[in-house]
Amino acid sequence: MEEKKGTKTNSKAKSNTKSNTSKTNTNKTTTKKTNSNKTTTAKKDVKNTTNKKDTDEIKTKVKKEATETVNQVKDSIKKVDIKKDGVETKGFVIEIVKNPMGKLQDITKKQSAKHFTYALIILAIWMSARLIGECCSIGVQGYTRFFNSLLEIIKATITPALVVLIMSIIVLARNKGNKKSLTTVITAITAAKLPNVISSILSLLTIISVEAYKITAPIGAFLGTISTVLVYFAIKAILGKEKDKDAIKEFIIIEAVYYIISFLLAFLGISI
């Protein structure tokens, strides 16, 4: 009887030991899971804080650069000498045509105020070409037709400025390590868009003859392709990406954001 009691006691003791061991293991597992969850949460919090900090920095940077750019545009317009700057802009354009990649590198490195003035003149020519083209597309339909289409004329005129400004702001936002001002980015993007400017001017030939589109359409498509290539090299130079694979990645991201914005603006009747 005593042996049986002893056996039962040992059995209970072993059972209690197993139970305690199981509880201990469960507690350890729970503690590990809790610690793991805390670590994961902490990492997420740090990541979210970092992302928020980066977003705030980008917003502050863009706001600051936008203010400085507006002031510089005002100063450039006040100081512009149409005759002198017009001749210099012509030379600037010729340099871009002769050596586009080299000139884009020069623009991004020097960050010259003169280059920005030339870019504004090129942009003004582009906008003027779009204005003339849109007015002539309306035709002589009387004042009623003209005023009904006034909004379309305004949209067509500001489109070149929107194209350059939106692309420049996106590039500036992506330009984290390589410091470049918004005016420099605008100058480089405008220079890269020079083929589009030429295309807009050539499209005015359709005013003389509707049949001219047979020539201007394929030339315009070709110039558009060249402009896309130049924009890639401009972005590469601005961001300071030496490797093509890094530059291509950034170019795709920037173009994707640009076309998303373009899609949203289409609902407002603005095509960029």
C-alpha atoms as a PDB file:
ATOM      1  CA  MET A   1       0.000   0.000   0.000  1.00  0.00           C
ATOM      2  CA  GLU A   2       2.839   2.372   0.912  1.00  0.00           C
ATOM      3  CA  GLU A   3       4.554   1.579  -2.412  1.00  0.00           C
ATOM      4  CA  LYS A   4       1.333   2.405  -4.288  1.00  0.00           C
ATOM      5  CA  LYS A   5       0.988   5.681  -2.375  1.00  0.00           C
ATOM      6  CA  GLY A   6       4.605   6.516  -3.178  1.00  0.00           C
ATOM      7  CA  THR A   7       4.044   5.726  -6.842  1.00  0.00           C
ATOM      8  CA  LYS A   8       0.943   7.938  -6.943  1.00  0.00           C
ATOM      9  CA  THR A   9       2.855  10.740  -5.203  1.00  0.00           C
ATOM     10  CA  ASN A  10       5.704  10.482  -7.718  1.00  0.00           C
ATOM     11  CA  SER A  11       3.227  10.418 -10.587  1.00  0.00           C
ATOM     12  CA  LYS A  12       1.526  13.553  -9.288  1.00  0.00           C
ATOM     13  CA  ALA A  13       4.865  15.227  -8.777  1.00  0.00           C
ATOM     14  CA  LYS A  14       5.932  14.391 -12.334  1.00  0.00           C
ATOM     15  CA  SER A  15       2.584  15.602 -13.659  1.00  0.00           C
ATOM     16  CA  ASN A  16       2.924  18.873 -11.753  1.00  0.00           C
ATOM     17  CA  THR A  17       6.485  19.260 -13.020  1.00  0.00           C
ATOM     18  CA  LYS A  18       5.365  18.713 -16.642  1.00  0.00           C
ATOM     19  CA  SER A  19       2.505  21.192 -16.118  1.00  0.00           C
ATOM     20  CA  ASN A  20       4.870  23.773 -14.668  1.00  0.00           C
ATOM     21  CA  THR A  21       7.353  23.181 -17.521  1.00  0.00           C
ATOM     22  CA  SER A  22       4.537  23.555 -20.064  1.00  0.00           C
ATOM     23  CA  LYS A  23       3.387  26.793 -18.432  1.00  0.00           C
ATOM     24  CA  THR A  24       6.953  28.080 -18.360  1.00  0.00           C
ATOM     25  CA  ASN A  25       7.414  27.285 -22.075  1.00  0.00           C
ATOM     26  CA  THR A  26       4.072  28.906 -22.854  1.00  0.00           C
ATOM     27  CA  ASN A  27       5.093  32.008 -20.911  1.00  0.00           C
ATOM     28  CA  LYS A  28       8.441  32.106 -22.727  1.00  0.00           C
ATOM     29  CA  THR A  29       6.700  31.773 -26.106  1.00  0.00           C
ATOM     30  CA  THR A  30       4.202  34.484 -25.166  1.00  0.00           C
ATOM     31  CA  THR A  31       7.035  36.732 -23.983  1.00  0.00           C
ATOM     32  CA  LYS A  32       8.965  36.157 -27.222  1.00  0.00           C
ATOM     33  CA  LYS A  33       5.882  36.913 -29.315  1.00  0.00           C
ATOM     34  CA  THR A  34       5.170  40.039 -27.257  1.00  0.00           C
ATOM     35  CA  ASN A  35       8.760  41.228 -27.580  1.00  0.00           C
ATOM     36  CA  SER A  36       8.714  40.429 -31.299  1.00  0.00           C
ATOM     37  CA  ASN A  37       5.467  42.367 -31.750  1.00  0.00           C
ATOM     38  CA  LYS A  38       6.892  45.290 -29.779  1.00  0.00           C
ATOM     39  CA  THR A  39      10.051  45.260 -31.929  1.00  0.00           C
ATOM     40  CA  THR A  40       8.000  45.117 -35.150  1.00  0.00           C
ATOM     41  CA  THR A  41       5.758  47.942 -33.934  1.00  0.00           C
ATOM     42  CA  ALA A  42       8.798  49.997 -32.934  1.00  0.00           C
ATOM     43  CA  LYS A  43      10.359  49.447 -36.370  1.00  0.00           C
ATOM     44  CA  LYS A  44       7.118  50.474 -38.066  1.00  0.00           C
ATOM     45  CA  ASP A  45       6.908  53.587 -35.891  1.00  0.00           C
ATOM     46  CA  VAL A  46      10.506  54.520 -36.748  1.00  0.00           C
ATOM     47  CA  LYS A  47       9.833  53.908 -40.453  1.00  0.00           C
ATOM     48  CA  ASN A  48       6.634  55.972 -40.368  1.00  0.00           C
ATOM     49  CA  THR A  49       8.425  58.766 -38.493  1.00  0.00           C
ATOM     50  CA  THR A  50      11.259  58.722 -41.053  1.00  0.00           C
ATOM     51  CA  ASN A  51       8.825  58.766 -43.986  1.00  0.00           C
ATOM     52  CA  LYS A  52       6.878  61.631 -42.412  1.00  0.00           C
ATOM     53  CA  LYS A  53      10.108  63.528 -41.803  1.00  0.00           C
ATOM     54  CA  ASP A  54      11.196  62.999 -45.438  1.00  0.00           C
ATOM     55  CA  THR A  55       7.782  64.141 -46.712  1.00  0.00           C
ATOM     56  CA  ASP A  56       7.889  67.269 -44.535  1.00  0.00           C
ATOM     57  CA  GLU A  57      11.422  68.040 -45.740  1.00  0.00           C
ATOM     58  CA  ILE A  58      10.353  67.667 -49.392  1.00  0.00           C
ATOM     59  CA  LYS A  59       7.324  69.941 -48.849  1.00  0.00           C
ATOM     60  CA  THR A  60       9.488  72.573 -47.138  1.00  0.00           C
ATOM     61  CA  LYS A  61      12.127  72.315 -49.860  1.00  0.00           C
ATOM     62  CA  VAL A  62       9.623  72.648 -52.722  1.00  0.00           C
ATOM     63  CA  LYS A  63       7.839  75.563 -51.010  1.00  0.00           C
ATOM     64  CA  LYS A  64      11.125  77.388 -50.403  1.00  0.00           C
ATOM     65  CA  GLU A  65      12.385  76.780 -53.957  1.00  0.00           C
ATOM     66  CA  ALA A  66       9.034  77.842 -55.444  1.00  0.00           C
ATOM     67  CA  THR A  67       9.163  81.156 -53.566  1.00  0.00           C
ATOM     68  CA  GLU A  68      12.748  81.808 -54.652  1.00  0.00           C
ATOM     69  CA  THR A  69      11.887  80.877 -58.259  1.00  0.00           C
ATOM     70  CA  VAL A  70       8.931  83.298 -58.363  1.00  0.00           C
ATOM     71  CA  ASN A  71      11.199  86.082 -57.096  1.00  0.00           C
ATOM     72  CA  GLN A  72      13.869  85.208 -59.655  1.00  0.00           C
ATOM     73  CA  VAL A  73      11.292  85.157 -62.473  1.00  0.00           C
ATOM     74  CA  LYS A  74      10.201  88.667 -61.459  1.00  0.00           C
ATOM     75  CA  ASP A  75      13.813  89.878 -61.402  1.00  0.00           C
ATOM     76  CA  SER A  76      14.587  88.251 -64.761  1.00  0.00           C
ATOM     77  CA  ILE A  77      11.541  89.859 -66.392  1.00  0.00           C
ATOM     78  CA  LYS A  78      12.493  93.290 -64.992  1.00  0.00           C
ATOM     79  CA  LYS A  79      16.119  93.015 -66.156  1.00  0.00           C
ATOM     80  CA  VAL A  80      15.487  91.385 -69.548  1.00  0.00           C
ATOM     81  CA  ASP A  81      16.883  93.196 -72.571  1.00  0.00           C
ATOM     82  CA  ILE A  82      14.840  91.827 -75.481  1.00  0.00           C
ATOM     83  CA  LYS A  83      17.409  92.646 -78.168  1.00  0.00           C
ATOM     84  CA  LYS A  84      20.519  91.522 -76.282  1.00  0.00           C
ATOM     85  CA  ASP A  85      18.983  88.533 -74.485  1.00  0.00           C
ATOM     86  CA  GLY A  86      17.193  87.514 -77.696  1.00  0.00           C
ATOM     87  CA  VAL A  87      20.523  87.229 -79.529  1.00  0.00           C
ATOM     88  CA  GLU A  88      22.105  85.388 -76.586  1.00  0.00           C
ATOM     89  CA  THR A  89      19.137  82.999 -76.412  1.00  0.00           C
ATOM     90  CA  LYS A  90      19.612  82.233 -80.103  1.00  0.00           C
ATOM     91  CA  GLY A  91      23.241  81.292 -79.361  1.00  0.00           C
ATOM     92  CA  PHE A  92      22.072  79.237 -76.373  1.00  0.00           C
ATOM     93  CA  VAL A  93      19.636  77.306 -78.599  1.00  0.00           C
ATOM     94  CA  ILE A  94      22.328  76.682 -81.228  1.00  0.00           C
ATOM     95  CA  GLU A  95      24.630  75.262 -78.524  1.00  0.00           C
ATOM     96  CA  ILE A  96      21.865  72.896 -77.384  1.00  0.00           C
ATOM     97  CA  VAL A  97      21.257  71.729 -80.966  1.00  0.00           C
ATOM     98  CA  LYS A  98      24.994  71.198 -81.612  1.00  0.00           C
ATOM     99  CA  ASN A  99      25.794  69.394 -78.361  1.00  0.00           C
ATOM    100  CA  PRO A 100      22.601  68.686 -76.352  1.00  0.00           C
ATOM    101  CA  MET A 101      24.102  66.319 -73.763  1.00  0.00           C
ATOM    102  CA  GLY A 102      27.128  68.523 -73.149  1.00  0.00           C
ATOM    103  CA  LYS A 103      24.980  71.633 -72.801  1.00  0.00           C
ATOM    104  CA  LEU A 104      22.616  69.914 -70.352  1.00  0.00           C
ATOM    105  CA  GLN A 105      25.624  68.971 -68.213  1.00  0.00           C
ATOM    106  CA  ASP A 106      26.837  72.584 -68.407  1.00  0.00           C
ATOM    107  CA  ILE A 107      23.417  73.920 -67.340  1.00  0.00           C
ATOM    108  CA  THR A 108      23.171  71.648 -64.291  1.00  0.00           C
ATOM    109  CA  LYS A 109      26.740  72.382 -63.139  1.00  0.00           C
ATOM    110  CA  LYS A 110      26.872  76.167 -63.565  1.00  0.00           C
ATOM    111  CA  GLN A 111      23.375  77.017 -62.241  1.00  0.00           C
ATOM    112  CA  SER A 112      23.572  80.358 -64.072  1.00  0.00           C
ATOM    113  CA  ALA A 113      20.932  83.106 -63.772  1.00  0.00           C
ATOM    114  CA  LYS A 114      21.529  83.911 -67.450  1.00  0.00           C
ATOM    115  CA  HIS A 115      20.635  80.351 -68.440  1.00  0.00           C
ATOM    116  CA  PHE A 116      17.372  80.738 -66.525  1.00  0.00           C
ATOM    117  CA  THR A 117      16.600  83.950 -68.458  1.00  0.00           C
ATOM    118  CA  TYR A 118      17.192  82.104 -71.746  1.00  0.00           C
ATOM    119  CA  ALA A 119      14.887  79.313 -70.545  1.00  0.00           C
ATOM    120  CA  LEU A 120      12.129  81.858 -69.786  1.00  0.00           C
ATOM    121  CA  ILE A 121      12.473  83.329 -73.294  1.00  0.00           C
ATOM    122  CA  ILE A 122      12.274  79.853 -74.872  1.00  0.00           C
ATOM    123  CA  LEU A 123       9.220  79.102 -72.724  1.00  0.00           C
ATOM    124  CA  ALA A 124       7.617  82.406 -73.784  1.00  0.00           C
ATOM    125  CA  ILE A 125       8.178  81.510 -77.461  1.00  0.00           C
ATOM    126  CA  TRP A 126       6.626  78.076 -76.873  1.00  0.00           C
ATOM    127  CA  MET A 127       3.585  79.588 -75.172  1.00  0.00           C
ATOM    128  CA  SER A 128       3.222  82.176 -77.950  1.00  0.00           C
ATOM    129  CA  ALA A 129       3.268  79.440 -80.597  1.00  0.00           C
ATOM    130  CA  ARG A 130       0.540  77.543 -78.732  1.00  0.00           C
ATOM    131  CA  LEU A 131      -1.487  80.755 -78.346  1.00  0.00           C
ATOM    132  CA  ILE A 132      -1.296  81.582 -82.067  1.00  0.00           C
ATOM    133  CA  GLY A 133      -2.081  78.001 -83.052  1.00  0.00           C
ATOM    134  CA  GLU A 134      -5.140  77.802 -80.781  1.00  0.00           C
ATOM    135  CA  CYS A 135      -6.483  81.195 -81.911  1.00  0.00           C
ATOM    136  CA  CYS A 136      -6.126  80.229 -85.574  1.00  0.00           C
ATOM    137  CA  SER A 137      -7.741  76.828 -84.992  1.00  0.00           C
ATOM    138  CA  ILE A 138     -10.863  78.647 -83.809  1.00  0.00           C
ATOM    139  CA  GLY A 139     -10.992  80.493 -87.105  1.00  0.00           C
ATOM    140  CA  VAL A 140     -12.823  83.672 -87.921  1.00  0.00           C
ATOM    141  CA  GLN A 141     -16.211  82.772 -86.477  1.00  0.00           C
ATOM    142  CA  GLY A 142     -17.082  86.143 -84.975  1.00  0.00           C
ATOM    143  CA  TYR A 143     -16.639  87.459 -81.433  1.00  0.00           C
ATOM    144  CA  THR A 144     -19.205  85.072 -79.941  1.00  0.00           C
ATOM    145  CA  ARG A 145     -17.206  82.030 -81.024  1.00  0.00           C
ATOM    146  CA  PHE A 146     -13.984  83.647 -79.826  1.00  0.00           C
ATOM    147  CA  PHE A 147     -15.193  84.436 -76.321  1.00  0.00           C
ATOM    148  CA  ASN A 148     -16.778  80.994 -75.942  1.00  0.00           C
ATOM    149  CA  SER A 149     -13.368  79.501 -76.735  1.00  0.00           C
ATOM    150  CA  LEU A 150     -11.407  81.924 -74.550  1.00  0.00           C
ATOM    151  CA  LEU A 151     -10.963  79.321 -71.825  1.00  0.00           C
ATOM    152  CA  GLU A 152      -9.534  76.838 -74.345  1.00  0.00           C
ATOM    153  CA  ILE A 153      -7.105  79.497 -75.555  1.00  0.00           C
ATOM    154  CA  ILE A 154      -5.930  80.156 -71.987  1.00  0.00           C
ATOM    155  CA  LYS A 155      -5.490  76.423 -71.333  1.00  0.00           C
ATOM    156  CA  ALA A 156      -3.484  75.949 -74.539  1.00  0.00           C
ATOM    157  CA  THR A 157      -1.269  78.942 -73.728  1.00  0.00           C
ATOM    158  CA  ILE A 158      -0.358  77.919 -70.175  1.00  0.00           C
ATOM    159  CA  THR A 159       0.180  74.248 -71.072  1.00  0.00           C
ATOM    160  CA  PRO A 160       3.922  74.602 -71.896  1.00  0.00           C
ATOM    161  CA  ALA A 161       4.530  76.331 -68.547  1.00  0.00           C
ATOM    162  CA  LEU A 162       2.607  73.577 -66.729  1.00  0.00           C
ATOM    163  CA  VAL A 163       4.565  70.849 -68.545  1.00  0.00           C
ATOM    164  CA  VAL A 164       7.924  72.326 -67.487  1.00  0.00           C
ATOM    165  CA  LEU A 165       6.839  73.301 -63.971  1.00  0.00           C
ATOM    166  CA  ILE A 166       5.206  69.967 -63.070  1.00  0.00           C
ATOM    167  CA  MET A 167       8.135  67.937 -64.407  1.00  0.00           C
ATOM    168  CA  SER A 168      10.624  70.225 -62.620  1.00  0.00           C
ATOM    169  CA  ILE A 169       8.860  69.954 -59.249  1.00  0.00           C
ATOM    170  CA  ILE A 170       8.754  66.148 -59.498  1.00  0.00           C
ATOM    171  CA  VAL A 171      12.481  66.055 -60.342  1.00  0.00           C
ATOM    172  CA  LEU A 172      13.231  68.448 -57.468  1.00  0.00           C
ATOM    173  CA  ALA A 173      11.283  66.215 -55.057  1.00  0.00           C
ATOM    174  CA  ARG A 174      13.339  63.197 -56.186  1.00  0.00           C
ATOM    175  CA  ASN A 175      16.593  65.162 -55.971  1.00  0.00           C
ATOM    176  CA  LYS A 176      17.491  64.347 -52.362  1.00  0.00           C
ATOM    177  CA  GLY A 177      21.262  63.912 -52.398  1.00  0.00           C
ATOM    178  CA  ASN A 178      22.369  66.159 -55.282  1.00  0.00           C
ATOM    179  CA  LYS A 179      21.508  69.764 -54.387  1.00  0.00           C
ATOM    180  CA  LYS A 180      20.084  71.731 -57.307  1.00  0.00           C
ATOM    181  CA  SER A 181      17.824  74.799 -57.264  1.00  0.00           C
ATOM    182  CA  LEU A 182      14.389  74.789 -58.885  1.00  0.00           C
ATOM    183  CA  THR A 183      15.554  77.438 -61.375  1.00  0.00           C
ATOM    184  CA  THR A 184      18.360  75.132 -62.537  1.00  0.00           C
ATOM    185  CA  VAL A 185      15.939  72.220 -62.883  1.00  0.00           C
ATOM    186  CA  ILE A 186      13.483  74.394 -64.858  1.00  0.00           C
ATOM    187  CA  THR A 187      16.305  75.565 -67.140  1.00  0.00           C
ATOM    188  CA  ALA A 188      17.475  72.001 -67.820  1.00  0.00           C
ATOM    189  CA  ILE A 189      13.952  70.677 -68.461  1.00  0.00           C
ATOM    190  CA  THR A 190      13.136  73.630 -70.748  1.00  0.00           C
ATOM    191  CA  ALA A 191      16.345  73.002 -72.705  1.00  0.00           C
ATOM    192  CA  ALA A 192      15.407  69.314 -73.010  1.00  0.00           C
ATOM    193  CA  LYS A 193      11.951  70.328 -74.274  1.00  0.00           C
ATOM    194  CA  LEU A 194      13.438  72.440 -77.093  1.00  0.00           C
ATOM    195  CA  PRO A 195      12.387  69.884 -79.767  1.00  0.00           C
ATOM    196  CA  ASN A 196       8.780  70.295 -78.561  1.00  0.00           C
ATOM    197  CA  VAL A 197       9.131  74.069 -78.935  1.00  0.00           C
ATOM    198  CA  ILE A 198      10.348  73.606 -82.520  1.00  0.00           C
ATOM    199  CA  SER A 199       7.451  71.211 -83.157  1.00  0.00           C
ATOM    200  CA  SER A 200       4.909  73.794 -81.919  1.00  0.00           C
ATOM    201  CA  ILE A 201       6.415  76.448 -84.196  1.00  0.00           C
ATOM    202  CA  LEU A 202       6.390  74.089 -87.200  1.00  0.00           C
ATOM    203  CA  SER A 203       2.742  73.195 -86.524  1.00  0.00           C
ATOM    204  CA  LEU A 204       1.858  76.818 -87.345  1.00  0.00           C
ATOM    205  CA  LEU A 205       2.445  75.912 -91.002  1.00  0.00           C
ATOM    206  CA  THR A 206      -1.017  74.341 -90.953  1.00  0.00           C
ATOM    207  CA  ILE A 207      -2.385  77.905 -90.759  1.00  0.00           C
ATOM    208  CA  ILE A 208      -1.086  78.478 -94.283  1.00  0.00           C
ATOM    209  CA  SER A 209      -2.202  75.089 -95.566  1.00  0.00           C
ATOM    210  CA  VAL A 210      -4.130  72.286 -93.872  1.00  0.00           C
ATOM    211  CA  GLU A 211      -2.166  69.786 -95.961  1.00  0.00           C
ATOM    212  CA  ALA A 212       0.995  70.849 -94.112  1.00  0.00           C
ATOM    213  CA  TYR A 213       0.070  68.444 -91.298  1.00  0.00           C
ATOM    214  CA  LYS A 214       1.296  65.603 -93.540  1.00  0.00           C
ATOM    215  CA  ILE A 215       4.781  67.025 -93.045  1.00  0.00           C
ATOM    216  CA  THR A 216       4.480  68.531 -89.570  1.00  0.00           C
ATOM    217  CA  ALA A 217       2.849  65.449 -87.937  1.00  0.00           C
ATOM    218  CA  PRO A 218       5.709  62.962 -88.533  1.00  0.00           C
ATOM    219  CA  ILE A 219       8.342  65.629 -87.828  1.00  0.00           C
ATOM    220  CA  GLY A 220       6.499  66.502 -84.603  1.00  0.00           C
ATOM    221  CA  ALA A 221       6.449  62.849 -83.521  1.00  0.00           C
ATOM    222  CA  PHE A 222      10.175  62.550 -84.238  1.00  0.00           C
ATOM    223  CA  LEU A 223      10.961  65.735 -82.297  1.00  0.00           C
ATOM    224  CA  GLY A 224       8.825  64.446 -79.405  1.00  0.00           C
ATOM    225  CA  THR A 225      10.958  61.299 -79.251  1.00  0.00           C
ATOM    226  CA  ILE A 226      14.161  63.355 -79.216  1.00  0.00           C
ATOM    227  CA  SER A 227      12.727  65.494 -76.411  1.00  0.00           C
ATOM    228  CA  THR A 228      11.977  62.403 -74.298  1.00  0.00           C
ATOM    229  CA  VAL A 229      15.583  61.235 -74.709  1.00  0.00           C
ATOM    230  CA  LEU A 230      16.900  64.684 -73.769  1.00  0.00           C
ATOM    231  CA  VAL A 231      14.645  64.794 -70.696  1.00  0.00           C
ATOM    232  CA  TYR A 232      16.183  61.482 -69.595  1.00  0.00           C
ATOM    233  CA  PHE A 233      19.712  62.923 -69.873  1.00  0.00           C
ATOM    234  CA  ALA A 234      18.608  66.118 -68.134  1.00  0.00           C
ATOM    235  CA  ILE A 235      17.198  64.105 -65.204  1.00  0.00           C
ATOM    236  CA  LYS A 236      20.356  61.987 -65.113  1.00  0.00           C
ATOM    237  CA  ALA A 237      22.515  65.124 -64.915  1.00  0.00           C
ATOM    238  CA  ILE A 238      20.317  66.847 -62.314  1.00  0.00           C
ATOM    239  CA  LEU A 239      20.178  63.817 -60.002  1.00  0.00           C
ATOM    240  CA  GLY A 240      23.877  63.079 -60.544  1.00  0.00           C
ATOM    241  CA  LYS A 241      23.254  59.431 -61.461  1.00  0.00           C
ATOM    242  CA  GLU A 242      26.341  57.974 -63.120  1.00  0.00           C
ATOM    243  CA  LYS A 243      24.949  54.487 -63.731  1.00  0.00           C
ATOM    244  CA  ASP A 244      22.290  54.146 -66.420  1.00  0.00           C
ATOM    245  CA  LYS A 245      20.306  51.559 -64.433  1.00  0.00           C
ATOM    246  CA  ASP A 246      19.879  54.050 -61.540  1.00  0.00           C
ATOM    247  CA  ALA A 247      19.047  56.905 -63.926  1.00  0.00           C
ATOM    248  CA  ILE A 248      16.511  54.785 -65.840  1.00  0.00           C
ATOM    249  CA  LYS A 249      14.810  53.787 -62.572  1.00  0.00           C
ATOM    250  CA  GLU A 250      14.455  57.434 -61.520  1.00  0.00           C
ATOM    251  CA  PHE A 251      13.313  58.442 -65.012  1.00  0.00           C
ATOM    252  CA  ILE A 252      10.542  55.810 -64.978  1.00  0.00           C
ATOM    253  CA  ILE A 253       9.352  56.921 -61.506  1.00  0.00           C
ATOM    254  CA  ILE A 254       9.340  60.602 -62.510  1.00  0.00           C
ATOM    255  CA  GLU A 255       7.527  59.901 -65.798  1.00  0.00           C
ATOM    256  CA  ALA A 256       4.970  57.717 -63.983  1.00  0.00           C
ATOM    257  CA  VAL A 257       4.173  60.485 -61.479  1.00  0.00           C
ATOM    258  CA  TYR A 258       4.034  63.020 -64.317  1.00  0.00           C
ATOM    259  CA  TYR A 259       1.507  60.973 -66.290  1.00  0.00           C
ATOM    260  CA  ILE A 260      -0.625  60.365 -63.196  1.00  0.00           C
ATOM    261  CA  ILE A 261      -0.825  64.146 -62.718  1.00  0.00           C
ATOM    262  CA  SER A 262      -1.495  64.516 -66.455  1.00  0.00           C
ATOM    263  CA  PHE A 263      -4.384  62.045 -66.139  1.00  0.00           C
ATOM    264  CA  LEU A 264      -5.883  64.049 -63.242  1.00  0.00           C
ATOM    265  CA  LEU A 265      -5.526  67.353 -65.114  1.00  0.00           C
ATOM    266  CA  ALA A 266      -7.346  65.828 -68.089  1.00  0.00           C
ATOM    267  CA  PHE A 267     -10.526  65.940 -65.983  1.00  0.00           C
ATOM    268  CA  LEU A 268     -10.111  69.729 -65.881  1.00  0.00           C
ATOM    269  CA  GLY A 269      -9.759  69.799 -69.638  1.00  0.00           C
ATOM    270  CA  ILE A 270      -6.011  70.518 -69.495  1.00  0.00           C
ATOM    271  CA  SER A 271      -3.885  68.283 -71.690  1.00  0.00           C
ATOM    272  CA  ILE A 272      -0.156  68.303 -70.954  1.00  0.00           C
END
